């Protein structure tokens, strides 16, 4: 008898993707690659989150996309946002948002948590 593997939130794994939504995003990226819109992409990339020389945790981003102009896009496909993910995403944003040629995006399925836009006050 075959037992279907489920993830923590009872979503069926789709190959190396954690959900049908994530598999759909991967399929769209594959089509963009074949069309020549992007150079390529990697799935489930392990990124260590290091702050002030201390390793906090590892973050597994869903997709790292390489665009034609050399920019890297870190894309997360989210159906449900957990508190742990929200915290890790904020740490990831703090480390990577100021780097040149880097884009951070979260793709949501349906009505999900959306990060608030941060306003930076001008000093002076």
PDB file of N, CA and C in Angstrom:
ATOM      1  N   UNK A   1       0.844  -1.175   0.000  1.00  0.00           N
ATOM      2  CA  UNK A   1       0.000   0.000   0.000  1.00  0.00           C
ATOM      3  C   UNK A   1       0.898   1.250   0.000  1.00  0.00           C
ATOM      4  N   UNK A   2       0.541   2.191  -0.822  1.00  0.00           N
ATOM      5  CA  UNK A   2       1.320   3.415  -0.951  1.00  0.00           C
ATOM      6  C   UNK A   2       0.761   4.487  -0.028  1.00  0.00           C
ATOM      7  N   UNK A   3       1.601   5.102   0.777  1.00  0.00           N
ATOM      8  CA  UNK A   3       1.185   6.190   1.655  1.00  0.00           C
ATOM      9  C   UNK A   3       1.684   7.507   1.085  1.00  0.00           C
ATOM     10  N   UNK A   4       0.761   8.444   0.879  1.00  0.00           N
ATOM     11  CA  UNK A   4       1.118   9.769   0.363  1.00  0.00           C
ATOM     12  C   UNK A   4       1.855  10.547   1.447  1.00  0.00           C
ATOM     13  N   UNK A   5       2.965  11.178   1.074  1.00  0.00           N
ATOM     14  CA  UNK A   5       3.710  11.986   2.037  1.00  0.00           C
ATOM     15  C   UNK A   5       3.056  13.354   2.152  1.00  0.00           C
ATOM     16  N   UNK A   6       2.832  13.787   3.364  1.00  0.00           N
ATOM     17  CA  UNK A   6       2.255  15.091   3.628  1.00  0.00           C
ATOM     18  C   UNK A   6       3.262  15.947   4.356  1.00  0.00           C
ATOM     19  N   UNK A   7       3.152  17.262   4.177  1.00  0.00           N
ATOM     20  CA  UNK A   7       4.002  18.173   4.908  1.00  0.00           C
ATOM     21  C   UNK A   7       3.345  18.480   6.250  1.00  0.00           C
ATOM     22  N   UNK A   8       3.946  19.367   6.994  1.00  0.00           N
ATOM     23  CA  UNK A   8       3.467  19.700   8.334  1.00  0.00           C
ATOM     24  C   UNK A   8       2.033  20.206   8.327  1.00  0.00           C
ATOM     25  N   UNK A   9       1.650  20.985   7.322  1.00  0.00           N
ATOM     26  CA  UNK A   9       0.305  21.545   7.280  1.00  0.00           C
ATOM     27  C   UNK A   9      -0.632  20.752   6.393  1.00  0.00           C
ATOM     28  N   UNK A  10      -0.367  19.448   6.246  1.00  0.00           N
ATOM     29  CA  UNK A  10      -1.239  18.524   5.540  1.00  0.00           C
ATOM     30  C   UNK A  10      -1.379  18.845   4.058  1.00  0.00           C
ATOM     31  N   UNK A  11      -0.353  19.416   3.459  1.00  0.00           N
ATOM     32  CA  UNK A  11      -0.365  19.631   2.024  1.00  0.00           C
ATOM     33  C   UNK A  11       0.436  18.514   1.380  1.00  0.00           C
ATOM     34  N   UNK A  12      -0.017  18.044   0.240  1.00  0.00           N
ATOM     35  CA  UNK A  12       0.676  16.956  -0.446  1.00  0.00           C
ATOM     36  C   UNK A  12       1.938  17.484  -1.109  1.00  0.00           C
ATOM     37  N   UNK A  13       3.052  16.762  -0.904  1.00  0.00           N
ATOM     38  CA  UNK A  13       4.296  17.138  -1.565  1.00  0.00           C
ATOM     39  C   UNK A  13       4.159  16.859  -3.052  1.00  0.00           C
ATOM     40  N   UNK A  14       4.675  17.769  -3.850  1.00  0.00           N
ATOM     41  CA  UNK A  14       4.655  17.647  -5.302  1.00  0.00           C
ATOM     42  C   UNK A  14       6.088  17.544  -5.789  1.00  0.00           C
ATOM     43  N   UNK A  15       6.654  16.355  -5.769  1.00  0.00           N
ATOM     44  CA  UNK A  15       8.064  16.200  -6.118  1.00  0.00           C
ATOM     45  C   UNK A  15       8.919  16.833  -5.038  1.00  0.00           C
ATOM     46  N   UNK A  16       9.774  17.807  -5.415  1.00  0.00           N
ATOM     47  CA  UNK A  16      10.585  18.479  -4.398  1.00  0.00           C
ATOM     48  C   UNK A  16       9.902  19.718  -3.848  1.00  0.00           C
ATOM     49  N   UNK A  17       8.724  20.055  -4.344  1.00  0.00           N
ATOM     50  CA  UNK A  17       7.970  21.205  -3.852  1.00  0.00           C
ATOM     51  C   UNK A  17       7.057  20.792  -2.713  1.00  0.00           C
ATOM     52  N   UNK A  18       6.806  21.749  -1.797  1.00  0.00           N
ATOM     53  CA  UNK A  18       6.022  21.452  -0.601  1.00  0.00           C
ATOM     54  C   UNK A  18       4.516  21.537  -0.806  1.00  0.00           C
ATOM     55  N   UNK A  19       4.061  22.123  -1.906  1.00  0.00           N
ATOM     56  CA  UNK A  19       2.621  22.251  -2.127  1.00  0.00           C
ATOM     57  C   UNK A  19       2.329  22.377  -3.614  1.00  0.00           C
ATOM     58  N   UNK A  20       1.054  22.273  -3.974  1.00  0.00           N
ATOM     59  CA  UNK A  20       0.642  22.434  -5.369  1.00  0.00           C
ATOM     60  C   UNK A  20       0.897  23.869  -5.829  1.00  0.00           C
ATOM     61  N   UNK A  21       0.679  24.828  -4.945  1.00  0.00           N
ATOM     62  CA  UNK A  21       0.908  26.227  -5.283  1.00  0.00           C
ATOM     63  C   UNK A  21       2.377  26.467  -5.626  1.00  0.00           C
ATOM     64  N   UNK A  22       3.263  25.939  -4.806  1.00  0.00           N
ATOM     65  CA  UNK A  22       4.703  26.089  -5.047  1.00  0.00           C
ATOM     66  C   UNK A  22       5.113  25.372  -6.338  1.00  0.00           C
ATOM     67  N   UNK A  23       4.515  24.215  -6.610  1.00  0.00           N
ATOM     68  CA  UNK A  23       4.803  23.493  -7.846  1.00  0.00           C
ATOM     69  C   UNK A  23       4.337  24.296  -9.059  1.00  0.00           C
ATOM     70  N   UNK A  24       3.216  25.011  -8.924  1.00  0.00           N
ATOM     71  CA  UNK A  24       2.731  25.863 -10.005  1.00  0.00           C
ATOM     72  C   UNK A  24       3.660  27.022 -10.286  1.00  0.00           C
ATOM     73  N   UNK A  25       4.204  27.612  -9.231  1.00  0.00           N
ATOM     74  CA  UNK A  25       5.169  28.710  -9.391  1.00  0.00           C
ATOM     75  C   UNK A  25       6.424  28.182 -10.078  1.00  0.00           C
ATOM     76  N   UNK A  26       6.875  26.980  -9.701  1.00  0.00           N
ATOM     77  CA  UNK A  26       8.053  26.377 -10.328  1.00  0.00           C
ATOM     78  C   UNK A  26       7.798  26.120 -11.812  1.00  0.00           C
ATOM     79  N   UNK A  27       6.594  25.701 -12.143  1.00  0.00           N
ATOM     80  CA  UNK A  27       6.235  25.458 -13.541  1.00  0.00           C
ATOM     81  C   UNK A  27       6.246  26.764 -14.338  1.00  0.00           C
ATOM     82  N   UNK A  28       5.736  27.837 -13.739  1.00  0.00           N
ATOM     83  CA  UNK A  28       5.758  29.145 -14.396  1.00  0.00           C
ATOM     84  C   UNK A  28       7.200  29.613 -14.629  1.00  0.00           C
ATOM     85  N   UNK A  29       8.072  29.396 -13.648  1.00  0.00           N
ATOM     86  CA  UNK A  29       9.472  29.792 -13.790  1.00  0.00           C
ATOM     87  C   UNK A  29      10.167  28.972 -14.878  1.00  0.00           C
ATOM     88  N   UNK A  30       9.816  27.705 -14.977  1.00  0.00           N
ATOM     89  CA  UNK A  30      10.390  26.860 -16.029  1.00  0.00           C
ATOM     90  C   UNK A  30       9.995  27.374 -17.414  1.00  0.00           C
ATOM     91  N   UNK A  31       8.744  27.825 -17.545  1.00  0.00           N
ATOM     92  CA  UNK A  31       8.293  28.398 -18.822  1.00  0.00           C
ATOM     93  C   UNK A  31       9.023  29.706 -19.130  1.00  0.00           C
ATOM     94  N   UNK A  32       9.247  30.547 -18.108  1.00  0.00           N
ATOM     95  CA  UNK A  32       9.992  31.787 -18.304  1.00  0.00           C
ATOM     96  C   UNK A  32      11.434  31.500 -18.728  1.00  0.00           C
ATOM     97  N   UNK A  33      12.009  30.434 -18.192  1.00  0.00           N
ATOM     98  CA  UNK A  33      13.377  30.053 -18.554  1.00  0.00           C
ATOM     99  C   UNK A  33      13.432  29.595 -20.014  1.00  0.00           C
ATOM    100  N   UNK A  34      12.456  28.783 -20.415  1.00  0.00           N
ATOM    101  CA  UNK A  34      12.417  28.304 -21.802  1.00  0.00           C
ATOM    102  C   UNK A  34      12.166  29.442 -22.786  1.00  0.00           C
ATOM    103  N   UNK A  35      11.409  30.455 -22.353  1.00  0.00           N
ATOM    104  CA  UNK A  35      11.113  31.603 -23.210  1.00  0.00           C
ATOM    105  C   UNK A  35      12.287  32.591 -23.262  1.00  0.00           C
ATOM    106  N   UNK A  36      13.263  32.415 -22.396  1.00  0.00           N
ATOM    107  CA  UNK A  36      14.428  33.302 -22.385  1.00  0.00           C
ATOM    108  C   UNK A  36      14.244  34.559 -21.560  1.00  0.00           C
ATOM    109  N   UNK A  37      13.183  34.621 -20.751  1.00  0.00           N
ATOM    110  CA  UNK A  37      12.935  35.790 -19.903  1.00  0.00           C
ATOM    111  C   UNK A  37      13.891  35.841 -18.711  1.00  0.00           C
ATOM    112  N   UNK A  38      14.268  34.654 -18.200  1.00  0.00           N
ATOM    113  CA  UNK A  38      15.219  34.566 -17.084  1.00  0.00           C
ATOM    114  C   UNK A  38      16.344  33.615 -17.478  1.00  0.00           C
ATOM    115  N   UNK A  39      17.486  33.741 -16.808  1.00  0.00           N
ATOM    116  CA  UNK A  39      18.632  32.870 -17.106  1.00  0.00           C
ATOM    117  C   UNK A  39      18.404  31.496 -16.508  1.00  0.00           C
ATOM    118  N   UNK A  40      17.951  31.458 -15.259  1.00  0.00           N
ATOM    119  CA  UNK A  40      17.720  30.184 -14.594  1.00  0.00           C
ATOM    120  C   UNK A  40      17.222  30.400 -13.178  1.00  0.00           C
ATOM    121  N   UNK A  41      16.949  29.290 -12.484  1.00  0.00           N
ATOM    122  CA  UNK A  41      16.497  29.368 -11.102  1.00  0.00           C
ATOM    123  C   UNK A  41      16.875  28.095 -10.357  1.00  0.00           C
ATOM    124  N   UNK A  42      16.976  28.228  -9.032  1.00  0.00           N
ATOM    125  CA  UNK A  42      17.238  27.098  -8.146  1.00  0.00           C
ATOM    126  C   UNK A  42      16.079  26.981  -7.171  1.00  0.00           C
ATOM    127  N   UNK A  43      15.799  25.766  -6.739  1.00  0.00           N
ATOM    128  CA  UNK A  43      14.712  25.534  -5.797  1.00  0.00           C
ATOM    129  C   UNK A  43      15.257  25.073  -4.450  1.00  0.00           C
ATOM    130  N   UNK A  44      14.562  25.445  -3.384  1.00  0.00           N
ATOM    131  CA  UNK A  44      14.864  25.036  -2.012  1.00  0.00           C
ATOM    132  C   UNK A  44      16.337  25.274  -1.668  1.00  0.00           C
ATOM    133  N   UNK A  45      16.737  26.532  -1.708  1.00  0.00           N
ATOM    134  CA  UNK A  45      18.125  26.921  -1.438  1.00  0.00           C
ATOM    135  C   UNK A  45      18.285  27.220   0.049  1.00  0.00           C
ATOM    136  N   UNK A  46      19.301  26.627   0.653  1.00  0.00           N
ATOM    137  CA  UNK A  46      19.582  26.832   2.078  1.00  0.00           C
ATOM    138  C   UNK A  46      20.406  28.094   2.244  1.00  0.00           C
ATOM    139  N   UNK A  47      19.891  29.031   3.052  1.00  0.00           N
ATOM    140  CA  UNK A  47      20.579  30.290   3.307  1.00  0.00           C
ATOM    141  C   UNK A  47      20.795  30.418   4.820  1.00  0.00           C
ATOM    142  N   UNK A  48      22.055  30.459   5.269  1.00  0.00           N
ATOM    143  CA  UNK A  48      22.301  30.652   6.700  1.00  0.00           C
ATOM    144  C   UNK A  48      22.036  32.111   7.075  1.00  0.00           C
ATOM    145  N   UNK A  49      21.307  32.322   8.150  1.00  0.00           N
ATOM    146  CA  UNK A  49      21.043  33.675   8.647  1.00  0.00           C
ATOM    147  C   UNK A  49      22.039  33.964   9.761  1.00  0.00           C
ATOM    148  N   UNK A  50      23.007  34.817   9.449  1.00  0.00           N
ATOM    149  CA  UNK A  50      24.081  35.152  10.380  1.00  0.00           C
ATOM    150  C   UNK A  50      23.990  36.634  10.703  1.00  0.00           C
ATOM    151  N   UNK A  51      23.880  36.956  12.000  1.00  0.00           N
ATOM    152  CA  UNK A  51      23.796  38.347  12.452  1.00  0.00           C
ATOM    153  C   UNK A  51      24.947  38.613  13.409  1.00  0.00           C
ATOM    154  N   UNK A  52      25.747  39.633  13.093  1.00  0.00           N
ATOM    155  CA  UNK A  52      26.911  40.021  13.907  1.00  0.00           C
ATOM    156  C   UNK A  52      27.834  38.842  14.201  1.00  0.00           C
ATOM    157  N   UNK A  53      28.018  37.966  13.223  1.00  0.00           N
ATOM    158  CA  UNK A  53      28.902  36.824  13.384  1.00  0.00           C
ATOM    159  C   UNK A  53      28.284  35.620  14.073  1.00  0.00           C
ATOM    160  N   UNK A  54      27.028  35.709  14.488  1.00  0.00           N
ATOM    161  CA  UNK A  54      26.355  34.600  15.158  1.00  0.00           C
ATOM    162  C   UNK A  54      25.365  33.943  14.209  1.00  0.00           C
ATOM    163  N   UNK A  55      25.457  32.635  14.092  1.00  0.00           N
ATOM    164  CA  UNK A  55      24.522  31.889  13.256  1.00  0.00           C
ATOM    165  C   UNK A  55      23.202  31.764  14.018  1.00  0.00           C
ATOM    166  N   UNK A  56      22.156  32.390  13.487  1.00  0.00           N
ATOM    167  CA  UNK A  56      20.842  32.357  14.135  1.00  0.00           C
ATOM    168  C   UNK A  56      20.099  31.080  13.747  1.00  0.00           C
ATOM    169  N   UNK A  57      19.940  30.856  12.442  1.00  0.00           N
ATOM    170  CA  UNK A  57      19.241  29.676  11.940  1.00  0.00           C
ATOM    171  C   UNK A  57      19.482  29.575  10.438  1.00  0.00           C
ATOM    172  N   UNK A  58      18.947  28.542   9.831  1.00  0.00           N
ATOM    173  CA  UNK A  58      18.986  28.396   8.383  1.00  0.00           C
ATOM    174  C   UNK A  58      17.601  28.709   7.833  1.00  0.00           C
ATOM    175  N   UNK A  59      17.573  29.326   6.664  1.00  0.00           N
ATOM    176  CA  UNK A  59      16.316  29.651   5.997  1.00  0.00           C
ATOM    177  C   UNK A  59      16.329  28.980   4.634  1.00  0.00           C
ATOM    178  N   UNK A  60      15.303  28.222   4.336  1.00  0.00           N
ATOM    179  CA  UNK A  60      15.199  27.556   3.052  1.00  0.00           C
ATOM    180  C   UNK A  60      14.234  28.356   2.188  1.00  0.00           C
ATOM    181  N   UNK A  61      14.791  29.117   1.241  1.00  0.00           N
ATOM    182  CA  UNK A  61      13.979  29.940   0.347  1.00  0.00           C
ATOM    183  C   UNK A  61      13.498  29.028  -0.787  1.00  0.00           C
ATOM    184  N   UNK A  62      12.275  29.285  -1.252  1.00  0.00           N
ATOM    185  CA  UNK A  62      11.690  28.428  -2.281  1.00  0.00           C
ATOM    186  C   UNK A  62      12.424  28.543  -3.612  1.00  0.00           C
ATOM    187  N   UNK A  63      12.696  29.771  -4.058  1.00  0.00           N
ATOM    188  CA  UNK A  63      13.321  29.957  -5.369  1.00  0.00           C
ATOM    189  C   UNK A  63      14.347  31.086  -5.327  1.00  0.00           C
ATOM    190  N   UNK A  64      15.482  30.878  -5.997  1.00  0.00           N
ATOM    191  CA  UNK A  64      16.447  31.931  -6.263  1.00  0.00           C
ATOM    192  C   UNK A  64      16.515  32.032  -7.782  1.00  0.00           C
ATOM    193  N   UNK A  65      16.089  33.192  -8.308  1.00  0.00           N
ATOM    194  CA  UNK A  65      15.964  33.392  -9.744  1.00  0.00           C
ATOM    195  C   UNK A  65      17.057  34.339 -10.218  1.00  0.00           C
ATOM    196  N   UNK A  66      17.735  33.940 -11.296  1.00  0.00           N
ATOM    197  CA  UNK A  66      18.765  34.790 -11.892  1.00  0.00           C
ATOM    198  C   UNK A  66      18.196  35.437 -13.149  1.00  0.00           C
ATOM    199  N   UNK A  67      18.126  36.779 -13.138  1.00  0.00           N
ATOM    200  CA  UNK A  67      17.593  37.521 -14.270  1.00  0.00           C
ATOM    201  C   UNK A  67      18.696  37.827 -15.276  1.00  0.00           C
ATOM    202  N   UNK A  68      18.295  38.256 -16.463  1.00  0.00           N
ATOM    203  CA  UNK A  68      19.253  38.547 -17.540  1.00  0.00           C
ATOM    204  C   UNK A  68      20.226  39.668 -17.179  1.00  0.00           C
ATOM    205  N   UNK A  69      19.753  40.650 -16.410  1.00  0.00           N
ATOM    206  CA  UNK A  69      20.607  41.793 -16.069  1.00  0.00           C
ATOM    207  C   UNK A  69      21.540  41.520 -14.890  1.00  0.00           C
ATOM    208  N   UNK A  70      21.537  40.287 -14.388  1.00  0.00           N
ATOM    209  CA  UNK A  70      22.445  39.928 -13.301  1.00  0.00           C
ATOM    210  C   UNK A  70      21.847  40.032 -11.912  1.00  0.00           C
ATOM    211  N   UNK A  71      20.624  40.523 -11.800  1.00  0.00           N
ATOM    212  CA  UNK A  71      20.002  40.612 -10.482  1.00  0.00           C
ATOM    213  C   UNK A  71      19.540  39.234 -10.023  1.00  0.00           C
ATOM    214  N   UNK A  72      19.568  39.040  -8.719  1.00  0.00           N
ATOM    215  CA  UNK A  72      19.059  37.817  -8.107  1.00  0.00           C
ATOM    216  C   UNK A  72      17.747  38.135  -7.418  1.00  0.00           C
ATOM    217  N   UNK A  73      16.754  37.309  -7.652  1.00  0.00           N
ATOM    218  CA  UNK A  73      15.456  37.473  -6.996  1.00  0.00           C
ATOM    219  C   UNK A  73      15.235  36.281  -6.079  1.00  0.00           C
ATOM    220  N   UNK A  74      14.993  36.574  -4.811  1.00  0.00           N
ATOM    221  CA  UNK A  74      14.652  35.542  -3.839  1.00  0.00           C
ATOM    222  C   UNK A  74      13.132  35.537  -3.723  1.00  0.00           C
ATOM    223  N   UNK A  75      12.503  34.441  -4.146  1.00  0.00           N
ATOM    224  CA  UNK A  75      11.042  34.383  -4.176  1.00  0.00           C
ATOM    225  C   UNK A  75      10.538  33.270  -3.268  1.00  0.00           C
ATOM    226  N   UNK A  76       9.574  33.620  -2.445  1.00  0.00           N
ATOM    227  CA  UNK A  76       8.928  32.695  -1.518  1.00  0.00           C
ATOM    228  C   UNK A  76       7.479  32.528  -1.967  1.00  0.00           C
ATOM    229  N   UNK A  77       7.014  31.296  -2.091  1.00  0.00           N
ATOM    230  CA  UNK A  77       5.620  31.002  -2.448  1.00  0.00           C
ATOM    231  C   UNK A  77       4.908  30.566  -1.175  1.00  0.00           C
ATOM    232  N   UNK A  78       3.984  31.397  -0.697  1.00  0.00           N
ATOM    233  CA  UNK A  78       3.339  31.151   0.589  1.00  0.00           C
ATOM    234  C   UNK A  78       1.838  30.955   0.451  1.00  0.00           C
ATOM    235  N   UNK A  79       1.343  29.910   1.060  1.00  0.00           N
ATOM    236  CA  UNK A  79      -0.083  29.699   1.159  1.00  0.00           C
ATOM    237  C   UNK A  79      -0.565  30.074   2.552  1.00  0.00           C
ATOM    238  N   UNK A  80       0.262  29.794   3.556  1.00  0.00           N
ATOM    239  CA  UNK A  80      -0.077  30.085   4.943  1.00  0.00           C
ATOM    240  C   UNK A  80       1.184  30.571   5.649  1.00  0.00           C
ATOM    241  N   UNK A  81       1.088  31.698   6.310  1.00  0.00           N
ATOM    242  CA  UNK A  81       2.243  32.281   6.983  1.00  0.00           C
ATOM    243  C   UNK A  81       2.221  31.937   8.472  1.00  0.00           C
ATOM    244  N   UNK A  82       3.214  31.185   8.913  1.00  0.00           N
ATOM    245  CA  UNK A  82       3.317  30.845  10.336  1.00  0.00           C
ATOM    246  C   UNK A  82       4.116  31.924  11.056  1.00  0.00           C
ATOM    247  N   UNK A  83       4.044  31.924  12.373  1.00  0.00           N
ATOM    248  CA  UNK A  83       4.803  32.896  13.164  1.00  0.00           C
ATOM    249  C   UNK A  83       6.308  32.695  12.997  1.00  0.00           C
ATOM    250  N   UNK A  84       6.739  31.426  12.908  1.00  0.00           N
ATOM    251  CA  UNK A  84       8.157  31.131  12.712  1.00  0.00           C
ATOM    252  C   UNK A  84       8.632  31.676  11.374  1.00  0.00           C
ATOM    253  N   UNK A  85       7.829  31.478  10.324  1.00  0.00           N
ATOM    254  CA  UNK A  85       8.205  31.984   9.008  1.00  0.00           C
ATOM    255  C   UNK A  85       8.278  33.504   9.012  1.00  0.00           C
ATOM    256  N   UNK A  86       7.320  34.161   9.656  1.00  0.00           N
ATOM    257  CA  UNK A  86       7.317  35.624   9.705  1.00  0.00           C
ATOM    258  C   UNK A  86       8.608  36.147  10.340  1.00  0.00           C
ATOM    259  N   UNK A  87       9.041  35.514  11.426  1.00  0.00           N
ATOM    260  CA  UNK A  87      10.269  35.937  12.108  1.00  0.00           C
ATOM    261  C   UNK A  87      11.492  35.712  11.228  1.00  0.00           C
ATOM    262  N   UNK A  88      11.585  34.521  10.614  1.00  0.00           N
ATOM    263  CA  UNK A  88      12.723  34.229   9.746  1.00  0.00           C
ATOM    264  C   UNK A  88      12.746  35.162   8.540  1.00  0.00           C
ATOM    265  N   UNK A  89      11.558  35.487   7.991  1.00  0.00           N
ATOM    266  CA  UNK A  89      11.495  36.381   6.831  1.00  0.00           C
ATOM    267  C   UNK A  89      11.980  37.780   7.211  1.00  0.00           C
ATOM    268  N   UNK A  90      11.621  38.259   8.406  1.00  0.00           N
ATOM    269  CA  UNK A  90      12.067  39.582   8.842  1.00  0.00           C
ATOM    270  C   UNK A  90      13.588  39.624   9.009  1.00  0.00           C
ATOM    271  N   UNK A  91      14.171  38.551   9.547  1.00  0.00           N
ATOM    272  CA  UNK A  91      15.626  38.483   9.676  1.00  0.00           C
ATOM    273  C   UNK A  91      16.262  38.446   8.286  1.00  0.00           C
ATOM    274  N   UNK A  92      15.694  37.638   7.400  1.00  0.00           N
ATOM    275  CA  UNK A  92      16.193  37.537   6.026  1.00  0.00           C
ATOM    276  C   UNK A  92      16.119  38.884   5.319  1.00  0.00           C
ATOM    277  N   UNK A  93      14.997  39.600   5.482  1.00  0.00           N
ATOM    278  CA  UNK A  93      14.844  40.935   4.898  1.00  0.00           C
ATOM    279  C   UNK A  93      15.895  41.902   5.436  1.00  0.00           C
ATOM    280  N   UNK A  94      16.126  41.857   6.741  1.00  0.00           N
ATOM    281  CA  UNK A  94      17.091  42.773   7.350  1.00  0.00           C
ATOM    282  C   UNK A  94      18.494  42.543   6.809  1.00  0.00           C
ATOM    283  N   UNK A  95      18.843  41.303   6.526  1.00  0.00           N
ATOM    284  CA  UNK A  95      20.188  40.990   6.039  1.00  0.00           C
ATOM    285  C   UNK A  95      20.330  41.287   4.551  1.00  0.00           C
ATOM    286  N   UNK A  96      19.333  40.912   3.753  1.00  0.00           N
ATOM    287  CA  UNK A  96      19.485  40.941   2.293  1.00  0.00           C
ATOM    288  C   UNK A  96      18.837  42.119   1.581  1.00  0.00           C
ATOM    289  N   UNK A  97      18.003  42.911   2.238  1.00  0.00           N
ATOM    290  CA  UNK A  97      17.287  43.971   1.525  1.00  0.00           C
ATOM    291  C   UNK A  97      18.187  45.116   1.079  1.00  0.00           C
ATOM    292  N   UNK A  98      19.315  45.338   1.738  1.00  0.00           N
ATOM    293  CA  UNK A  98      20.189  46.452   1.366  1.00  0.00           C
ATOM    294  C   UNK A  98      21.285  46.057   0.383  1.00  0.00           C
ATOM    295  N   UNK A  99      21.331  44.812  -0.028  1.00  0.00           N
ATOM    296  CA  UNK A  99      22.358  44.372  -0.977  1.00  0.00           C
ATOM    297  C   UNK A  99      21.999  44.830  -2.388  1.00  0.00           C
ATOM    298  N   UNK A 100      22.999  45.222  -3.189  1.00  0.00           N
ATOM    299  CA  UNK A 100      22.714  45.662  -4.561  1.00  0.00           C
ATOM    300  C   UNK A 100      22.320  44.480  -5.447  1.00  0.00           C
ATOM    301  N   UNK A 101      21.478  44.759  -6.417  1.00  0.00           N
ATOM    302  CA  UNK A 101      21.017  43.771  -7.398  1.00  0.00           C
ATOM    303  C   UNK A 101      20.324  42.568  -6.767  1.00  0.00           C
ATOM    304  N   UNK A 102      19.545  42.808  -5.711  1.00  0.00           N
ATOM    305  CA  UNK A 102      18.789  41.746  -5.051  1.00  0.00           C
ATOM    306  C   UNK A 102      17.338  42.182  -4.930  1.00  0.00           C
ATOM    307  N   UNK A 103      16.420  41.273  -5.288  1.00  0.00           N
ATOM    308  CA  UNK A 103      14.985  41.522  -5.180  1.00  0.00           C
ATOM    309  C   UNK A 103      14.405  40.463  -4.255  1.00  0.00           C
ATOM    310  N   UNK A 104      13.593  40.880  -3.275  1.00  0.00           N
ATOM    311  CA  UNK A 104      12.919  39.949  -2.368  1.00  0.00           C
ATOM    312  C   UNK A 104      11.420  40.008  -2.645  1.00  0.00           C
ATOM    313  N   UNK A 105      10.812  38.865  -2.977  1.00  0.00           N
ATOM    314  CA  UNK A 105       9.375  38.845  -3.233  1.00  0.00           C
ATOM    315  C   UNK A 105       8.730  37.660  -2.538  1.00  0.00           C
ATOM    316  N   UNK A 106       7.477  37.875  -2.148  1.00  0.00           N
ATOM    317  CA  UNK A 106       6.659  36.807  -1.580  1.00  0.00           C
ATOM    318  C   UNK A 106       5.410  36.717  -2.431  1.00  0.00           C
ATOM    319  N   UNK A 107       5.124  35.526  -2.930  1.00  0.00           N
ATOM    320  CA  UNK A 107       3.938  35.302  -3.739  1.00  0.00           C
ATOM    321  C   UNK A 107       2.914  34.589  -2.863  1.00  0.00           C
ATOM    322  N   UNK A 108       1.720  35.167  -2.767  1.00  0.00           N
ATOM    323  CA  UNK A 108       0.709  34.640  -1.858  1.00  0.00           C
ATOM    324  C   UNK A 108      -0.392  33.909  -2.601  1.00  0.00           C
ATOM    325  N   UNK A 109      -0.909  32.882  -1.964  1.00  0.00           N
ATOM    326  CA  UNK A 109      -2.046  32.145  -2.484  1.00  0.00           C
ATOM    327  C   UNK A 109      -3.266  32.571  -1.674  1.00  0.00           C
ATOM    328  N   UNK A 110      -4.218  33.204  -2.336  1.00  0.00           N
ATOM    329  CA  UNK A 110      -5.424  33.631  -1.641  1.00  0.00           C
ATOM    330  C   UNK A 110      -5.150  34.738  -0.649  1.00  0.00           C
ATOM    331  N   UNK A 111      -5.953  34.786   0.407  1.00  0.00           N
ATOM    332  CA  UNK A 111      -5.795  35.808   1.442  1.00  0.00           C
ATOM    333  C   UNK A 111      -4.850  35.277   2.502  1.00  0.00           C
ATOM    334  N   UNK A 112      -3.698  35.847   2.558  1.00  0.00           N
ATOM    335  CA  UNK A 112      -2.691  35.430   3.513  1.00  0.00           C
ATOM    336  C   UNK A 112      -2.092  36.654   4.162  1.00  0.00           C
ATOM    337  N   UNK A 113      -1.202  36.442   5.098  1.00  0.00           N
ATOM    338  CA  UNK A 113      -0.522  37.540   5.775  1.00  0.00           C
ATOM    339  C   UNK A 113       0.330  38.273   4.767  1.00  0.00           C
ATOM    340  N   UNK A 114       0.295  39.590   4.805  1.00  0.00           N
ATOM    341  CA  UNK A 114       1.137  40.390   3.928  1.00  0.00           C
ATOM    342  C   UNK A 114       2.021  41.283   4.783  1.00  0.00           C
ATOM    343  N   UNK A 115       3.305  41.321   4.490  1.00  0.00           N
ATOM    344  CA  UNK A 115       4.191  42.165   5.295  1.00  0.00           C
ATOM    345  C   UNK A 115       3.849  43.638   5.124  1.00  0.00           C
ATOM    346  N   UNK A 116       3.983  44.382   6.177  1.00  0.00           N
ATOM    347  CA  UNK A 116       3.695  45.808   6.118  1.00  0.00           C
ATOM    348  C   UNK A 116       4.864  46.534   5.486  1.00  0.00           C
ATOM    349  N   UNK A 117       4.545  47.580   4.755  1.00  0.00           N
ATOM    350  CA  UNK A 117       5.610  48.388   4.158  1.00  0.00           C
ATOM    351  C   UNK A 117       6.274  49.195   5.253  1.00  0.00           C
ATOM    352  N   UNK A 118       7.585  49.191   5.255  1.00  0.00           N
ATOM    353  CA  UNK A 118       8.327  49.921   6.270  1.00  0.00           C
ATOM    354  C   UNK A 118       8.695  51.290   5.753  1.00  0.00           C
ATOM    355  N   UNK A 119       8.460  52.281   6.561  1.00  0.00           N
ATOM    356  CA  UNK A 119       8.819  53.653   6.198  1.00  0.00           C
ATOM    357  C   UNK A 119      10.096  54.019   6.928  1.00  0.00           C
ATOM    358  N   UNK A 120      11.017  54.549   6.184  1.00  0.00           N
ATOM    359  CA  UNK A 120      12.293  54.978   6.764  1.00  0.00           C
ATOM    360  C   UNK A 120      12.232  56.480   6.952  1.00  0.00           C
ATOM    361  N   UNK A 121      12.464  56.931   8.177  1.00  0.00           N
ATOM    362  CA  UNK A 121      12.443  58.372   8.475  1.00  0.00           C
ATOM    363  C   UNK A 121      13.753  58.999   8.022  1.00  0.00           C
ATOM    364  N   UNK A 122      13.619  60.142   7.408  1.00  0.00           N
ATOM    365  CA  UNK A 122      14.812  60.878   6.961  1.00  0.00           C
ATOM    366  C   UNK A 122      15.476  61.529   8.163  1.00  0.00           C
ATOM    367  N   UNK A 123      16.771  61.354   8.256  1.00  0.00           N
ATOM    368  CA  UNK A 123      17.526  61.933   9.366  1.00  0.00           C
ATOM    369  C   UNK A 123      18.063  63.284   8.931  1.00  0.00           C
ATOM    370  N   UNK A 124      17.850  64.289   9.778  1.00  0.00           N
ATOM    371  CA  UNK A 124      18.436  65.589   9.469  1.00  0.00           C
ATOM    372  C   UNK A 124      17.466  66.711   9.422  1.00  0.00           C
TER     373      UNK A 124
END
